[in-house]
C-alpha atoms as a PDB file:
ATOM      1  CA  MET A   1    -171.929  26.858-104.908  1.00  0.00           C
ATOM      2  CA  ARG A   2    -172.579  24.013-102.391  1.00  0.00           C
ATOM      3  CA  SER A   3    -171.191  20.519-103.412  1.00  0.00           C
ATOM      4  CA  ALA A   4    -173.226  17.597-103.276  1.00  0.00           C
ATOM      5  CA  VAL A   5    -169.536  15.825-102.419  1.00  0.00           C
ATOM      6  CA  PRO A   6    -168.640  15.986 -98.956  1.00  0.00           C
ATOM      7  CA  GLY A   7    -165.218  17.370 -98.344  1.00  0.00           C
ATOM      8  CA  CYS A   8    -165.272  19.451-101.622  1.00  0.00           C
ATOM      9  CA  ALA A   9    -165.830  23.187-101.901  1.00  0.00           C
ATOM     10  CA  ARG A  10    -166.865  23.023-105.350  1.00  0.00           C
ATOM     11  CA  ALA A  11    -167.934  20.646-108.033  1.00  0.00           C
ATOM     12  CA  GLU A  12    -169.128  21.288-111.270  1.00  0.00           C
ATOM     13  CA  THR A  13    -171.487  18.327-111.260  1.00  0.00           C
ATOM     14  CA  GLY A  14    -172.888  16.408-108.382  1.00  0.00           C
ATOM     15  CA  VAL A  15    -171.714  12.953-110.017  1.00  0.00           C
ATOM     16  CA  MET A  16    -168.817  10.877-109.440  1.00  0.00           C
ATOM     17  CA  ARG A  17    -166.535   9.414-111.836  1.00  0.00           C
ATOM     18  CA  ARG A  18    -167.212   5.409-112.417  1.00  0.00           C
ATOM     19  CA  ILE A  19    -165.159   3.414-110.101  1.00  0.00           C
ATOM     20  CA  TRP A  20    -164.544   0.654-111.974  1.00  0.00           C
ATOM     21  CA  GLY A  21    -163.408   0.981-115.481  1.00  0.00           C
ATOM     22  CA  GLU A  22    -161.692  -0.199-118.488  1.00  0.00           C
ATOM     23  CA  GLU A  23    -157.849  -0.361-118.256  1.00  0.00           C
ATOM     24  CA  GLY A  24    -156.615   3.190-118.299  1.00  0.00           C
ATOM     25  CA  GLY A  25    -160.101   4.343-118.852  1.00  0.00           C
ATOM     26  CA  SER A  26    -161.513   7.387-116.741  1.00  0.00           C
ATOM     27  CA  GLY A  27    -162.351   4.524-114.084  1.00  0.00           C
ATOM     28  CA  LEU A  28    -159.967   2.750-111.742  1.00  0.00           C
ATOM     29  CA  GLY A  29    -158.964  -0.813-113.412  1.00  0.00           C
ATOM     30  CA  SER A  30    -158.377  -4.155-111.711  1.00  0.00           C
ATOM     31  CA  ALA A  31    -154.848  -3.936-112.702  1.00  0.00           C
ATOM     32  CA  ASP A  32    -154.010  -0.070-110.973  1.00  0.00           C
ATOM     33  CA  ALA A  33    -151.463  -0.924-108.643  1.00  0.00           C
ATOM     34  CA  LEU A  34    -153.122   1.298-106.027  1.00  0.00           C
ATOM     35  CA  LEU A  35    -155.983  -1.384-104.925  1.00  0.00           C
ATOM     36  CA  GLY A  36    -153.365  -3.969-103.783  1.00  0.00           C
ATOM     37  CA  ASP A  37    -150.230  -1.922-102.532  1.00  0.00           C
ATOM     38  CA  ALA A  38    -149.467  -3.340 -99.477  1.00  0.00           C
ATOM     39  CA  ARG A  39    -147.347  -0.209 -98.518  1.00  0.00           C
ATOM     40  CA  LEU A  40    -150.517   1.636 -98.213  1.00  0.00           C
ATOM     41  CA  SER A  41    -152.869   1.941 -95.035  1.00  0.00           C
ATOM     42  CA  VAL A  42    -156.721   1.006 -95.792  1.00  0.00           C
ATOM     43  CA  PRO A  43    -157.774   4.636 -95.584  1.00  0.00           C
ATOM     44  CA  ALA A  44    -154.742   6.266 -97.380  1.00  0.00           C
ATOM     45  CA  ARG A  45    -156.215   3.955-100.417  1.00  0.00           C
ATOM     46  CA  GLY A  46    -159.778   5.305 -99.543  1.00  0.00           C
ATOM     47  CA  LEU A  47    -158.751   9.009 -99.575  1.00  0.00           C
ATOM     48  CA  ALA A  48    -156.928   8.312-103.112  1.00  0.00           C
ATOM     49  CA  VAL A  49    -159.907   6.592-104.277  1.00  0.00           C
ATOM     50  CA  TYR A  50    -161.906   9.203-103.221  1.00  0.00           C
ATOM     51  CA  LEU A  51    -159.858  11.882-105.074  1.00  0.00           C
ATOM     52  CA  LEU A  52    -159.563  10.021-107.947  1.00  0.00           C
ATOM     53  CA  LEU A  53    -163.126  10.044-108.201  1.00  0.00           C
ATOM     54  CA  LEU A  54    -163.837  13.022-107.602  1.00  0.00           C
ATOM     55  CA  PRO A  55    -165.881  15.266-110.121  1.00  0.00           C
ATOM     56  CA  ASP A  56    -163.925  17.472-112.963  1.00  0.00           C
ATOM     57  CA  GLY A  57    -163.793  20.989-111.321  1.00  0.00           C
ATOM     58  CA  ALA A  58    -163.599  19.535-107.610  1.00  0.00           C
ATOM     59  CA  ARG A  59    -161.728  21.559-105.241  1.00  0.00           C
ATOM     60  CA  PRO A  60    -161.319  18.949-102.283  1.00  0.00           C
ATOM     61  CA  ASP A  61    -160.820  20.914 -98.931  1.00  0.00           C
ATOM     62  CA  PRO A  62    -158.569  18.685 -96.704  1.00  0.00           C
ATOM     63  CA  GLY A  63    -159.534  20.583 -93.593  1.00  0.00           C
ATOM     64  CA  ALA A  64    -163.184  19.695 -94.104  1.00  0.00           C
ATOM     65  CA  LEU A  65    -161.708  16.147 -94.595  1.00  0.00           C
ATOM     66  CA  GLY A  66    -160.125  16.290 -91.252  1.00  0.00           C
ATOM     67  CA  ALA A  67    -163.257  17.354 -89.761  1.00  0.00           C
ATOM     68  CA  ARG A  68    -165.071  14.062 -90.356  1.00  0.00           C
ATOM     69  CA  PRO A  69    -166.001  11.831 -87.538  1.00  0.00           C
ATOM     70  CA  GLY A  70    -162.906   9.603 -87.199  1.00  0.00           C
ATOM     71  CA  GLU A  71    -160.591  12.149 -89.010  1.00  0.00           C
ATOM     72  CA  SER A  72    -158.185  14.756 -88.102  1.00  0.00           C
ATOM     73  CA  PRO A  73    -156.343  17.151 -90.222  1.00  0.00           C
ATOM     74  CA  GLU A  74    -153.510  15.213 -89.355  1.00  0.00           C
ATOM     75  CA  SER A  75    -154.436  11.890 -90.298  1.00  0.00           C
ATOM     76  CA  ILE A  76    -155.470  13.631 -93.956  1.00  0.00           C
ATOM     77  CA  ALA A  77    -151.922  14.946 -93.678  1.00  0.00           C
ATOM     78  CA  GLY A  78    -150.714  11.277 -93.083  1.00  0.00           C
ATOM     79  CA  TYR A  79    -152.899   9.436 -95.694  1.00  0.00           C
ATOM     80  CA  LEU A  80    -151.323  11.729 -98.301  1.00  0.00           C
ATOM     81  CA  ALA A  81    -147.643  11.306 -97.329  1.00  0.00           C
ATOM     82  CA  GLU A  82    -148.456   7.972 -97.198  1.00  0.00           C
ATOM     83  CA  LEU A  83    -149.376   8.130-101.105  1.00  0.00           C
ATOM     84  CA  GLU A  84    -146.214  10.698-101.792  1.00  0.00           C
ATOM     85  CA  THR A  85    -143.448   8.066-100.197  1.00  0.00           C
ATOM     86  CA  ALA A  86    -145.170   5.640-102.456  1.00  0.00           C
ATOM     87  CA  GLY A  87    -144.877   7.181-105.299  1.00  0.00           C
ATOM     88  CA  TYR A  88    -149.057   7.848-106.393  1.00  0.00           C
ATOM     89  CA  LEU A  89    -148.921  11.849-105.588  1.00  0.00           C
ATOM     90  CA  THR A  90    -146.882  14.364-106.024  1.00  0.00           C
ATOM     91  CA  ARG A  91    -146.930  18.101-104.670  1.00  0.00           C
ATOM     92  CA  ALA A  92    -146.253  21.739-105.773  1.00  0.00           C
ATOM     93  CA  ARG A  93    -147.157  24.783-103.914  1.00  0.00           C
ATOM     94  CA  ARG A  94    -147.471  27.827-105.649  1.00  0.00           C
ATOM     95  CA  HIS A  95    -148.630  31.494-104.427  1.00  0.00           C
ATOM     96  CA  GLU A  96    -151.542  33.024-106.642  1.00  0.00           C
ATOM     97  CA  GLY A  97    -152.998  36.213-105.850  1.00  0.00           C
ATOM     98  CA  GLY A  98    -152.336  36.773-102.328  1.00  0.00           C
ATOM     99  CA  HIS A  99    -153.115  32.956-101.679  1.00  0.00           C
ATOM    100  CA  THR A 100    -150.997  29.919-101.112  1.00  0.00           C
ATOM    101  CA  VAL A 101    -152.174  27.071-103.399  1.00  0.00           C
ATOM    102  CA  GLU A 102    -150.889  22.919-103.021  1.00  0.00           C
ATOM    103  CA  GLU A 103    -151.668  21.355-106.336  1.00  0.00           C
ATOM    104  CA  ILE A 104    -151.192  17.610-106.422  1.00  0.00           C
ATOM    105  CA  ARG A 105    -150.883  15.282-109.177  1.00  0.00           C
ATOM    106  CA  LEU A 106    -152.398  11.493-107.908  1.00  0.00           C
ATOM    107  CA  THR A 107    -152.212   8.440-110.110  1.00  0.00           C
ATOM    108  CA  ALA A 108    -153.931   4.800-109.473  1.00  0.00           C
ATOM    109  CA  ASN A 109    -150.216   3.324-110.747  1.00  0.00           C
ATOM    110  CA  PRO A 110    -146.999   5.074-109.867  1.00  0.00           C
ATOM    111  CA  SER A 111    -145.564   4.154-113.345  1.00  0.00           C
ATOM    112  CA  ALA A 112    -148.198   6.610-114.845  1.00  0.00           C
ATOM    113  CA  ALA A 113    -147.656   9.537-112.482  1.00  0.00           C
ATOM    114  CA  ALA A 114    -147.300  12.013-115.269  1.00  0.00           C
ATOM    115  CA  ARG A 115    -150.859  11.182-116.526  1.00  0.00           C
ATOM    116  CA  GLY A 116    -152.279  11.211-113.452  1.00  0.00           C
ATOM    117  CA  ARG A 117    -155.183  13.503-112.105  1.00  0.00           C
ATOM    118  CA  VAL A 118    -154.346  17.126-110.902  1.00  0.00           C
ATOM    119  CA  LEU A 119    -156.057  18.501-107.866  1.00  0.00           C
ATOM    120  CA  ARG A 120    -155.837  21.948-106.483  1.00  0.00           C
ATOM    121  CA  TRP A 121    -156.670  23.350-102.663  1.00  0.00           C
ATOM    122  CA  SER A 122    -156.008  26.120-100.602  1.00  0.00           C
ATOM    123  CA  ALA A 123    -152.593  25.982 -98.481  1.00  0.00           C
ATOM    124  CA  ASP A 124    -153.180  29.153 -96.683  1.00  0.00           C
ATOM    125  CA  PRO A 125    -153.687  28.493 -92.583  1.00  0.00           C
ATOM    126  CA  PRO A 126    -157.234  28.395 -92.213  1.00  0.00           C
ATOM    127  CA  ALA A 127    -158.287  31.671 -90.534  1.00  0.00           C
ATOM    128  CA  GLU A 128    -158.268  32.732 -87.013  1.00  0.00           C
ATOM    129  CA  GLY A 129    -162.316  32.582 -85.913  1.00  0.00           C
END
């Protein structure tokens, strides 16, 4: 199924999450540390917001995100590394059915990392064309 959300392989709905919500709700609140964290570049914050707001069931594709104008696979990897270093993101790689899957947990507040949003994508190298 083709996604209505750019950079996603699949989305169960074409509707993104609310961006502004009550504190602790399903959106990003004004007290969320991510938005004002000076350790993060603006593109890293933007990527985090984009990922946090994807609809349930979305499977973001870092390769497709890196193919967008002004980005590269290396820039997306760098933004993810910034988020990881600052404590907003944790990663785990798993082997499932002959494929490698990367699972990330992303949160808008490092102190709430255990409650963050879980996203998964393929970590297999791109197929030779």
